[in-house]
Amino acid sequence: MKMLDLSSKPRVIGADYYTAPFNQLYHPTGQYRGDTYDIVYMRDALGATKFDPILLKESFFLATKGGYVIFDYRPTAGLDFTKLETLLWWLWQKRYDIVSHGALPTRRIQKSISRQELCDLASQSPNQEVSTRVPTSDRGYMRCILKKNTSTAIPGDSIQKWTFGIITNGVRLDLIEEIITSIKQQKIPYYEIIICGNYHDRDEHNIHYVPFTQRDDLGWISRKKKYHSPDSKI
């Protein structure tokens, strides 16, 4: 079984390990392919910051269809099981089953967890009645085990493919040229640049211009960001 450890410190012996600050830039899927790991494990990460949605999204992407995501976490004022379940449903809706969730005695929390123990946890049958009980000890942990039911991979998607969006009112065109030059210098294998606003059409296959000058005096940035086509309903 392929396993990935996303804990705050290495916890799974013999598993791939990824570490980075838990913030808005947390992005293990930039290093590992999605839909890859049979088990993704995380301890002492959820509830530690306000970036739980990012941690949940990234970990779930990395698990393969039929794989498992296992969280060992301490409930906090910002994250209990009810809030965790709300986040999961918001992110993934019917793409997962909660195999189990419940209090984990403090004595069961060791420095590391073995691959075999994770395999045993993943082999459990889903509970029909999932416990939301919070441990009585302030040091107690909860363990949540999810099974991923559907693939989250996007056909044809790749970390080597990028889309850059630029909005402009036609005033600082020199800045637009600098941005385009900077993007080209990155030597990205596959990319496109979409420029929306008051600019000009360029005869380059990967640069697309969307004319848009409505309410330029008011700086209608949000409309430019969302603009799709002349038939857009946004």
C-alpha atoms as a PDB file:
ATOM      1  CA  MET A   1       0.000   0.000   0.000  1.00  0.00           C
ATOM      2  CA  LYS A   2       1.197   3.508  -0.804  1.00  0.00           C
ATOM      3  CA  MET A   3       1.000   5.795   2.225  1.00  0.00           C
ATOM      4  CA  LEU A   4       1.543   9.514   2.711  1.00  0.00           C
ATOM      5  CA  ASP A   5       2.098  11.164   6.078  1.00  0.00           C
ATOM      6  CA  LEU A   6       0.956  14.805   6.305  1.00  0.00           C
ATOM      7  CA  SER A   7       1.366  15.108  10.073  1.00  0.00           C
ATOM      8  CA  SER A   8       3.068  18.070  11.735  1.00  0.00           C
ATOM      9  CA  LYS A   9       5.987  15.676  12.431  1.00  0.00           C
ATOM     10  CA  PRO A  10       6.806  12.313  10.783  1.00  0.00           C
ATOM     11  CA  ARG A  11       4.517   9.697  12.337  1.00  0.00           C
ATOM     12  CA  VAL A  12       4.237   6.782   9.884  1.00  0.00           C
ATOM     13  CA  ILE A  13       7.332   4.633   9.569  1.00  0.00           C
ATOM     14  CA  GLY A  14       8.148   3.897   5.940  1.00  0.00           C
ATOM     15  CA  ALA A  15       5.575   6.292   4.444  1.00  0.00           C
ATOM     16  CA  ASP A  16       6.233   9.249   2.175  1.00  0.00           C
ATOM     17  CA  TYR A  17       6.309  12.418   4.257  1.00  0.00           C
ATOM     18  CA  TYR A  18       5.412  15.971   3.312  1.00  0.00           C
ATOM     19  CA  THR A  19       5.852  18.979   5.555  1.00  0.00           C
ATOM     20  CA  ALA A  20       5.118  22.668   5.029  1.00  0.00           C
ATOM     21  CA  PRO A  21       3.598  25.487   7.094  1.00  0.00           C
ATOM     22  CA  PHE A  22      -0.169  25.174   7.456  1.00  0.00           C
ATOM     23  CA  ASN A  23      -1.223  28.305   5.616  1.00  0.00           C
ATOM     24  CA  GLN A  24      -2.879  29.443   2.384  1.00  0.00           C
ATOM     25  CA  LEU A  25       0.113  28.155   0.400  1.00  0.00           C
ATOM     26  CA  TYR A  26      -0.095  24.589   1.730  1.00  0.00           C
ATOM     27  CA  HIS A  27       0.024  22.503  -1.430  1.00  0.00           C
ATOM     28  CA  PRO A  28       1.300  18.888  -1.264  1.00  0.00           C
ATOM     29  CA  THR A  29      -0.550  18.186  -4.529  1.00  0.00           C
ATOM     30  CA  GLY A  30       2.107  20.365  -6.152  1.00  0.00           C
ATOM     31  CA  GLN A  31       4.636  17.660  -5.280  1.00  0.00           C
ATOM     32  CA  TYR A  32       2.532  14.494  -5.381  1.00  0.00           C
ATOM     33  CA  ARG A  33      -0.055  13.457  -7.952  1.00  0.00           C
ATOM     34  CA  GLY A  34      -3.676  13.331  -6.931  1.00  0.00           C
ATOM     35  CA  ASP A  35      -5.504  10.002  -6.694  1.00  0.00           C
ATOM     36  CA  THR A  36      -2.235   8.277  -5.760  1.00  0.00           C
ATOM     37  CA  TYR A  37      -2.147   7.101  -2.145  1.00  0.00           C
ATOM     38  CA  ASP A  38      -4.050   4.200  -0.587  1.00  0.00           C
ATOM     39  CA  ILE A  39      -3.821   5.874   2.819  1.00  0.00           C
ATOM     40  CA  VAL A  40      -3.226   9.532   3.693  1.00  0.00           C
ATOM     41  CA  TYR A  41      -2.588  10.097   7.406  1.00  0.00           C
ATOM     42  CA  MET A  42      -2.531  13.360   9.329  1.00  0.00           C
ATOM     43  CA  ARG A  43      -1.923  14.052  13.036  1.00  0.00           C
ATOM     44  CA  ASP A  44      -1.768  17.360  14.920  1.00  0.00           C
ATOM     45  CA  ALA A  45      -2.701  19.372  11.855  1.00  0.00           C
ATOM     46  CA  LEU A  46      -6.473  19.875  11.852  1.00  0.00           C
ATOM     47  CA  GLY A  47      -7.607  22.495  14.347  1.00  0.00           C
ATOM     48  CA  ALA A  48      -4.135  23.992  14.673  1.00  0.00           C
ATOM     49  CA  THR A  49      -4.837  26.914  12.295  1.00  0.00           C
ATOM     50  CA  LYS A  50      -7.684  28.517  10.369  1.00  0.00           C
ATOM     51  CA  PHE A  51      -6.632  26.672   7.197  1.00  0.00           C
ATOM     52  CA  ASP A  52      -8.452  23.394   7.864  1.00  0.00           C
ATOM     53  CA  PRO A  53     -10.383  23.567   4.543  1.00  0.00           C
ATOM     54  CA  ILE A  54      -7.097  23.639   2.617  1.00  0.00           C
ATOM     55  CA  LEU A  55      -5.675  20.708   4.609  1.00  0.00           C
ATOM     56  CA  LEU A  56      -8.829  18.662   4.066  1.00  0.00           C
ATOM     57  CA  LYS A  57      -8.984  19.448   0.365  1.00  0.00           C
ATOM     58  CA  GLU A  58      -5.337  18.605  -0.293  1.00  0.00           C
ATOM     59  CA  SER A  59      -5.354  15.364   1.707  1.00  0.00           C
ATOM     60  CA  PHE A  60      -8.527  14.128   0.017  1.00  0.00           C
ATOM     61  CA  PHE A  61      -7.167  14.893  -3.458  1.00  0.00           C
ATOM     62  CA  LEU A  62      -4.086  12.777  -2.743  1.00  0.00           C
ATOM     63  CA  ALA A  63      -6.026   9.651  -1.763  1.00  0.00           C
ATOM     64  CA  THR A  64      -6.884   7.256  -4.556  1.00  0.00           C
ATOM     65  CA  LYS A  65     -10.422   6.137  -5.346  1.00  0.00           C
ATOM     66  CA  GLY A  66     -11.223   3.511  -2.718  1.00  0.00           C
ATOM     67  CA  GLY A  67      -8.418   4.857  -0.523  1.00  0.00           C
ATOM     68  CA  TYR A  68      -8.585   6.256   2.988  1.00  0.00           C
ATOM     69  CA  VAL A  69      -7.865   9.515   4.761  1.00  0.00           C
ATOM     70  CA  ILE A  70      -7.201   9.231   8.505  1.00  0.00           C
ATOM     71  CA  PHE A  71      -7.137  12.253  10.813  1.00  0.00           C
ATOM     72  CA  ASP A  72      -5.997  12.164  14.444  1.00  0.00           C
ATOM     73  CA  TYR A  73      -6.820  15.558  15.934  1.00  0.00           C
ATOM     74  CA  ARG A  74      -7.578  17.326  19.183  1.00  0.00           C
ATOM     75  CA  PRO A  75     -11.004  18.987  19.253  1.00  0.00           C
ATOM     76  CA  THR A  76     -10.815  22.736  19.719  1.00  0.00           C
ATOM     77  CA  ALA A  77     -13.266  25.602  19.906  1.00  0.00           C
ATOM     78  CA  GLY A  78     -12.674  26.074  16.182  1.00  0.00           C
ATOM     79  CA  LEU A  79     -12.962  22.422  15.185  1.00  0.00           C
ATOM     80  CA  ASP A  80     -15.165  19.726  16.650  1.00  0.00           C
ATOM     81  CA  PHE A  81     -16.756  16.825  14.802  1.00  0.00           C
ATOM     82  CA  THR A  82     -19.830  18.824  13.801  1.00  0.00           C
ATOM     83  CA  LYS A  83     -17.673  21.519  12.206  1.00  0.00           C
ATOM     84  CA  LEU A  84     -15.426  18.892  10.631  1.00  0.00           C
ATOM     85  CA  GLU A  85     -18.412  17.133   9.087  1.00  0.00           C
ATOM     86  CA  THR A  86     -19.742  20.448   7.782  1.00  0.00           C
ATOM     87  CA  LEU A  87     -16.405  21.158   6.095  1.00  0.00           C
ATOM     88  CA  LEU A  88     -16.237  17.673   4.612  1.00  0.00           C
ATOM     89  CA  TRP A  89     -19.715  17.927   3.144  1.00  0.00           C
ATOM     90  CA  TRP A  90     -19.028  21.392   1.788  1.00  0.00           C
ATOM     91  CA  LEU A  91     -15.859  20.159   0.053  1.00  0.00           C
ATOM     92  CA  TRP A  92     -16.794  16.644  -1.061  1.00  0.00           C
ATOM     93  CA  GLN A  93     -20.536  16.036  -0.583  1.00  0.00           C
ATOM     94  CA  LYS A  94     -21.264  12.402  -1.576  1.00  0.00           C
ATOM     95  CA  ARG A  95     -17.723  11.474  -2.567  1.00  0.00           C
ATOM     96  CA  TYR A  96     -16.822   9.807   0.740  1.00  0.00           C
ATOM     97  CA  ASP A  97     -18.024   7.568   3.555  1.00  0.00           C
ATOM     98  CA  ILE A  98     -17.176   8.118   7.202  1.00  0.00           C
ATOM     99  CA  VAL A  99     -15.772   4.734   8.179  1.00  0.00           C
ATOM    100  CA  SER A 100     -15.475   5.675  11.833  1.00  0.00           C
ATOM    101  CA  HIS A 101     -15.128   8.604  14.185  1.00  0.00           C
ATOM    102  CA  GLY A 102     -14.642   8.533  17.916  1.00  0.00           C
ATOM    103  CA  ALA A 103     -12.506   9.280  20.923  1.00  0.00           C
ATOM    104  CA  LEU A 104      -9.013   7.836  20.903  1.00  0.00           C
ATOM    105  CA  PRO A 105      -7.667   7.120  24.414  1.00  0.00           C
ATOM    106  CA  THR A 106      -4.546   9.115  25.180  1.00  0.00           C
ATOM    107  CA  ARG A 107      -2.650   5.902  25.892  1.00  0.00           C
ATOM    108  CA  ARG A 108      -3.160   4.871  22.271  1.00  0.00           C
ATOM    109  CA  ILE A 109      -1.369   7.960  20.968  1.00  0.00           C
ATOM    110  CA  GLN A 110       2.254   6.981  20.466  1.00  0.00           C
ATOM    111  CA  LYS A 111       5.171   8.759  18.849  1.00  0.00           C
ATOM    112  CA  SER A 112       4.648   6.848  15.629  1.00  0.00           C
ATOM    113  CA  ILE A 113       2.091   4.591  14.024  1.00  0.00           C
ATOM    114  CA  SER A 114       2.947   1.517  11.975  1.00  0.00           C
ATOM    115  CA  ARG A 115       1.933   0.837   8.401  1.00  0.00           C
ATOM    116  CA  GLN A 116       0.192  -2.331   9.572  1.00  0.00           C
ATOM    117  CA  GLU A 117      -1.915  -0.406  12.073  1.00  0.00           C
ATOM    118  CA  LEU A 118      -3.021   1.983   9.348  1.00  0.00           C
ATOM    119  CA  CYS A 119      -3.878  -0.958   7.101  1.00  0.00           C
ATOM    120  CA  ASP A 120      -5.943  -2.489   9.915  1.00  0.00           C
ATOM    121  CA  LEU A 121      -7.773   0.800  10.442  1.00  0.00           C
ATOM    122  CA  ALA A 122      -8.541   1.079   6.737  1.00  0.00           C
ATOM    123  CA  SER A 123      -9.982  -2.431   6.645  1.00  0.00           C
ATOM    124  CA  GLN A 124     -12.810  -1.526   9.045  1.00  0.00           C
ATOM    125  CA  SER A 125     -16.393  -1.517   7.804  1.00  0.00           C
ATOM    126  CA  PRO A 126     -18.189   1.850   7.812  1.00  0.00           C
ATOM    127  CA  ASN A 127     -20.106   2.610  10.993  1.00  0.00           C
ATOM    128  CA  GLN A 128     -23.819   3.220  10.659  1.00  0.00           C
ATOM    129  CA  GLU A 129     -23.770   5.290  13.849  1.00  0.00           C
ATOM    130  CA  VAL A 130     -20.779   7.600  13.951  1.00  0.00           C
ATOM    131  CA  SER A 131     -19.831   8.925  17.365  1.00  0.00           C
ATOM    132  CA  THR A 132     -19.499  12.659  17.822  1.00  0.00           C
ATOM    133  CA  ARG A 133     -18.534  12.357  21.473  1.00  0.00           C
ATOM    134  CA  VAL A 134     -15.703  14.659  22.513  1.00  0.00           C
ATOM    135  CA  PRO A 135     -13.023  13.158  24.796  1.00  0.00           C
ATOM    136  CA  THR A 136     -13.278  14.215  28.418  1.00  0.00           C
ATOM    137  CA  SER A 137      -9.523  14.781  28.637  1.00  0.00           C
ATOM    138  CA  ASP A 138      -8.195  18.068  27.304  1.00  0.00           C
ATOM    139  CA  ARG A 139      -5.317  16.077  25.822  1.00  0.00           C
ATOM    140  CA  GLY A 140      -7.602  13.543  24.195  1.00  0.00           C
ATOM    141  CA  TYR A 141      -7.672  12.864  20.486  1.00  0.00           C
ATOM    142  CA  MET A 142     -10.423  12.094  18.051  1.00  0.00           C
ATOM    143  CA  ARG A 143      -9.825   9.790  15.097  1.00  0.00           C
ATOM    144  CA  CYS A 144     -11.784  10.219  11.866  1.00  0.00           C
ATOM    145  CA  ILE A 145     -11.441   7.718   9.024  1.00  0.00           C
ATOM    146  CA  LEU A 146     -12.835   8.535   5.585  1.00  0.00           C
ATOM    147  CA  LYS A 147     -13.110   6.338   2.517  1.00  0.00           C
ATOM    148  CA  LYS A 148     -12.881   8.123  -0.824  1.00  0.00           C
ATOM    149  CA  ASN A 149     -15.532   6.795  -3.191  1.00  0.00           C
ATOM    150  CA  THR A 150     -14.867   8.706  -6.414  1.00  0.00           C
ATOM    151  CA  SER A 151     -11.850   9.993  -8.262  1.00  0.00           C
ATOM    152  CA  THR A 152     -11.117  13.714  -7.988  1.00  0.00           C
ATOM    153  CA  ALA A 153      -8.627  13.775 -10.855  1.00  0.00           C
ATOM    154  CA  ILE A 154      -9.467  16.063 -13.766  1.00  0.00           C
ATOM    155  CA  PRO A 155      -8.830  14.310 -17.119  1.00  0.00           C
ATOM    156  CA  GLY A 156      -5.929  15.933 -18.921  1.00  0.00           C
ATOM    157  CA  ASP A 157      -4.980  18.082 -15.936  1.00  0.00           C
ATOM    158  CA  SER A 158      -1.330  18.387 -14.970  1.00  0.00           C
ATOM    159  CA  ILE A 159       0.871  20.427 -12.656  1.00  0.00           C
ATOM    160  CA  GLN A 160       2.713  21.431 -15.857  1.00  0.00           C
ATOM    161  CA  LYS A 161      -0.364  23.190 -17.240  1.00  0.00           C
ATOM    162  CA  TRP A 162      -1.157  26.719 -16.069  1.00  0.00           C
ATOM    163  CA  THR A 163      -3.657  29.449 -16.861  1.00  0.00           C
ATOM    164  CA  PHE A 164      -2.795  33.054 -15.984  1.00  0.00           C
ATOM    165  CA  GLY A 165      -5.496  35.694 -15.825  1.00  0.00           C
ATOM    166  CA  ILE A 166      -4.710  39.401 -16.229  1.00  0.00           C
ATOM    167  CA  ILE A 167      -7.238  42.219 -15.903  1.00  0.00           C
ATOM    168  CA  THR A 168      -6.557  45.718 -17.200  1.00  0.00           C
ATOM    169  CA  ASN A 169      -8.241  49.029 -17.930  1.00  0.00           C
ATOM    170  CA  GLY A 170      -5.666  49.896 -20.592  1.00  0.00           C
ATOM    171  CA  VAL A 171      -3.695  52.373 -18.495  1.00  0.00           C
ATOM    172  CA  ARG A 172      -0.537  50.462 -17.510  1.00  0.00           C
ATOM    173  CA  LEU A 173       0.109  48.438 -20.652  1.00  0.00           C
ATOM    174  CA  ASP A 174       3.848  48.482 -19.900  1.00  0.00           C
ATOM    175  CA  LEU A 175       3.086  46.479 -16.770  1.00  0.00           C
ATOM    176  CA  ILE A 176       1.090  43.951 -18.808  1.00  0.00           C
ATOM    177  CA  GLU A 177       4.109  43.465 -21.095  1.00  0.00           C
ATOM    178  CA  GLU A 178       6.354  42.899 -18.078  1.00  0.00           C
ATOM    179  CA  ILE A 179       3.965  40.275 -16.687  1.00  0.00           C
ATOM    180  CA  ILE A 180       3.783  38.442 -20.022  1.00  0.00           C
ATOM    181  CA  THR A 181       7.578  38.478 -20.340  1.00  0.00           C
ATOM    182  CA  SER A 182       7.939  37.152 -16.799  1.00  0.00           C
ATOM    183  CA  ILE A 183       5.525  34.283 -17.502  1.00  0.00           C
ATOM    184  CA  LYS A 184       7.371  33.322 -20.672  1.00  0.00           C
ATOM    185  CA  GLN A 185      10.673  33.259 -18.803  1.00  0.00           C
ATOM    186  CA  GLN A 186       9.338  30.560 -16.470  1.00  0.00           C
ATOM    187  CA  LYS A 187       9.596  28.016 -19.332  1.00  0.00           C
ATOM    188  CA  ILE A 188       6.305  26.368 -18.342  1.00  0.00           C
ATOM    189  CA  PRO A 189       5.611  23.470 -20.760  1.00  0.00           C
ATOM    190  CA  TYR A 190       1.923  24.306 -21.281  1.00  0.00           C
ATOM    191  CA  TYR A 191       0.346  27.631 -20.409  1.00  0.00           C
ATOM    192  CA  GLU A 192      -2.193  30.180 -21.537  1.00  0.00           C
ATOM    193  CA  ILE A 193      -2.652  33.830 -20.670  1.00  0.00           C
ATOM    194  CA  ILE A 194      -6.133  35.348 -20.655  1.00  0.00           C
ATOM    195  CA  ILE A 195      -6.224  39.145 -20.687  1.00  0.00           C
ATOM    196  CA  CYS A 196      -9.572  40.741 -19.941  1.00  0.00           C
ATOM    197  CA  GLY A 197     -10.171  44.470 -20.264  1.00  0.00           C
ATOM    198  CA  ASN A 198      -8.889  47.198 -22.548  1.00  0.00           C
ATOM    199  CA  TYR A 199      -5.881  45.780 -24.377  1.00  0.00           C
ATOM    200  CA  HIS A 200      -5.257  44.508 -27.933  1.00  0.00           C
ATOM    201  CA  ASP A 201      -5.320  41.158 -29.657  1.00  0.00           C
ATOM    202  CA  ARG A 202      -1.931  39.467 -30.019  1.00  0.00           C
ATOM    203  CA  ASP A 203      -1.128  36.958 -32.701  1.00  0.00           C
ATOM    204  CA  GLU A 204       0.065  34.338 -30.206  1.00  0.00           C
ATOM    205  CA  HIS A 205      -1.709  30.995 -29.789  1.00  0.00           C
ATOM    206  CA  ASN A 206      -1.455  30.943 -25.997  1.00  0.00           C
ATOM    207  CA  ILE A 207      -2.486  34.540 -25.320  1.00  0.00           C
ATOM    208  CA  HIS A 208      -6.217  35.228 -25.468  1.00  0.00           C
ATOM    209  CA  TYR A 209      -7.757  38.692 -25.316  1.00  0.00           C
ATOM    210  CA  VAL A 210     -11.280  39.270 -24.007  1.00  0.00           C
ATOM    211  CA  PRO A 211     -12.369  42.886 -24.735  1.00  0.00           C
ATOM    212  CA  PHE A 212     -14.222  44.370 -21.791  1.00  0.00           C
ATOM    213  CA  THR A 213     -14.587  48.065 -21.020  1.00  0.00           C
ATOM    214  CA  GLN A 214     -17.905  48.281 -19.172  1.00  0.00           C
ATOM    215  CA  ARG A 215     -17.751  50.633 -16.165  1.00  0.00           C
ATOM    216  CA  ASP A 216     -13.994  51.032 -16.466  1.00  0.00           C
ATOM    217  CA  ASP A 217     -14.370  54.346 -14.651  1.00  0.00           C
ATOM    218  CA  LEU A 218     -15.580  52.350 -11.627  1.00  0.00           C
ATOM    219  CA  GLY A 219     -12.959  49.617 -11.930  1.00  0.00           C
ATOM    220  CA  TRP A 220     -15.373  46.709 -12.337  1.00  0.00           C
ATOM    221  CA  ILE A 221     -12.685  44.176 -11.375  1.00  0.00           C
ATOM    222  CA  SER A 222     -15.006  41.454 -10.097  1.00  0.00           C
ATOM    223  CA  ARG A 223     -16.817  41.298 -13.452  1.00  0.00           C
ATOM    224  CA  LYS A 224     -13.548  41.005 -15.353  1.00  0.00           C
ATOM    225  CA  LYS A 225     -12.378  38.180 -13.090  1.00  0.00           C
ATOM    226  CA  LYS A 226     -15.549  36.205 -13.733  1.00  0.00           C
ATOM    227  CA  TYR A 227     -15.994  37.030 -17.409  1.00  0.00           C
ATOM    228  CA  HIS A 228     -16.330  33.980 -19.644  1.00  0.00           C
ATOM    229  CA  SER A 229     -17.870  34.987 -22.978  1.00  0.00           C
ATOM    230  CA  PRO A 230     -20.268  37.534 -24.509  1.00  0.00           C
ATOM    231  CA  ASP A 231     -23.071  35.158 -23.490  1.00  0.00           C
ATOM    232  CA  SER A 232     -21.997  35.004 -19.838  1.00  0.00           C
ATOM    233  CA  LYS A 233     -24.845  35.343 -17.341  1.00  0.00           C
ATOM    234  CA  ILE A 234     -22.560  36.513 -14.533  1.00  0.00           C
END
